Amino acid sequence: MSWITESNRQKHFKYAILCGFAGTFLFALGVAMGLEYKDYAYGGKWDWLDIAATVLGGLVGQAMQVLVLYLIYLCL
């Protein structure tokens, strides 16, 4: 998985975990698309691997959210 260590994709992954945990996977996807559009609008190129890193982080965050909610449910 060397593609995730290139550029700033580890930051995309890390911050998307927070987005997925506080919001949802779809929120993280929206953030990914917005970040890439911003890069593109300022003269950069569209990078699908940045989006993939953000989506993977969003999935991890959503899984953590579901686990926490399940543990809260078990305690009730």
Protein backbone atom coordinates (compact mmCIF):
# COMPACT_ATOMS: atom_id res chain seq x y z
CA MET A 1 0.00 0.00 0.00
CA SER A 2 2.66 2.52 -0.96
CA TRP A 3 0.11 4.80 -2.61
CA ILE A 4 -1.21 5.94 0.77
CA THR A 5 2.23 7.16 1.89
CA GLU A 6 2.57 9.49 -1.11
CA SER A 7 1.63 13.17 -0.96
CA ASN A 8 -0.58 14.04 2.03
CA ARG A 9 -2.87 11.03 1.80
CA GLN A 10 -2.18 9.98 5.38
CA LYS A 11 -3.67 13.30 6.50
CA HIS A 12 -6.70 12.65 4.29
CA PHE A 13 -7.10 9.25 5.96
CA LYS A 14 -6.58 10.54 9.51
CA TYR A 15 -8.98 13.48 9.31
CA ALA A 16 -11.59 11.41 7.50
CA ILE A 17 -11.71 9.05 10.48
CA LEU A 18 -12.94 11.99 12.54
CA CYS A 19 -15.48 12.92 9.84
CA GLY A 20 -16.76 9.35 9.70
CA PHE A 21 -16.97 9.09 13.47
CA ALA A 22 -18.66 12.45 14.08
CA GLY A 23 -20.82 12.29 10.96
CA THR A 24 -21.16 9.47 8.50
CA PHE A 25 -19.27 7.81 5.68
CA LEU A 26 -21.24 9.95 3.23
CA PHE A 27 -20.12 13.11 5.04
CA ALA A 28 -16.49 11.98 4.62
CA LEU A 29 -17.16 11.35 0.93
CA GLY A 30 -18.55 14.87 0.56
CA VAL A 31 -15.51 16.30 2.31
CA ALA A 32 -13.24 14.32 -0.04
CA MET A 33 -15.01 15.63 -3.12
CA GLY A 34 -14.91 19.19 -1.78
CA LEU A 35 -11.19 19.00 -1.03
CA GLU A 36 -10.42 17.67 -4.49
CA TYR A 37 -12.56 20.32 -6.14
CA LYS A 38 -10.67 22.98 -4.17
CA ASP A 39 -7.34 21.54 -5.36
CA TYR A 40 -8.62 21.42 -8.93
CA ALA A 41 -10.01 24.97 -8.81
CA TYR A 42 -6.65 26.34 -7.67
CA GLY A 43 -4.79 24.78 -10.59
CA GLY A 44 -4.05 21.34 -9.18
CA LYS A 45 -5.09 18.06 -10.70
CA TRP A 46 -7.94 15.82 -9.65
CA ASP A 47 -6.52 12.93 -7.61
CA TRP A 48 -8.71 9.87 -7.19
CA LEU A 49 -6.22 8.32 -4.76
CA ASP A 50 -6.72 11.24 -2.35
CA ILE A 51 -10.44 10.55 -2.53
CA ALA A 52 -9.83 6.84 -1.94
CA ALA A 53 -7.71 7.59 1.14
CA THR A 54 -10.42 9.89 2.50
CA VAL A 55 -13.16 7.35 1.84
CA LEU A 56 -11.19 4.60 3.58
CA GLY A 57 -10.72 6.84 6.60
CA GLY A 58 -14.44 7.63 6.57
CA LEU A 59 -15.26 3.92 6.57
CA VAL A 60 -12.97 3.35 9.56
CA GLY A 61 -14.58 6.26 11.41
CA GLN A 62 -18.09 5.03 10.64
CA ALA A 63 -17.16 1.54 11.87
CA MET A 64 -15.84 3.04 15.10
CA GLN A 65 -19.05 5.04 15.48
CA VAL A 66 -21.21 1.95 15.03
CA LEU A 67 -19.07 0.05 17.55
CA VAL A 68 -19.40 2.81 20.16
CA LEU A 69 -23.16 3.03 19.64
CA TYR A 70 -23.44 -0.75 19.95
CA LEU A 71 -21.45 -0.72 23.19
CA ILE A 72 -23.69 2.04 24.54
CA TYR A 73 -26.73 -0.03 23.56
CA LEU A 74 -25.35 -3.05 25.42
CA CYS A 75 -24.87 -1.00 28.58
CA LEU A 76 -28.47 0.18 28.66
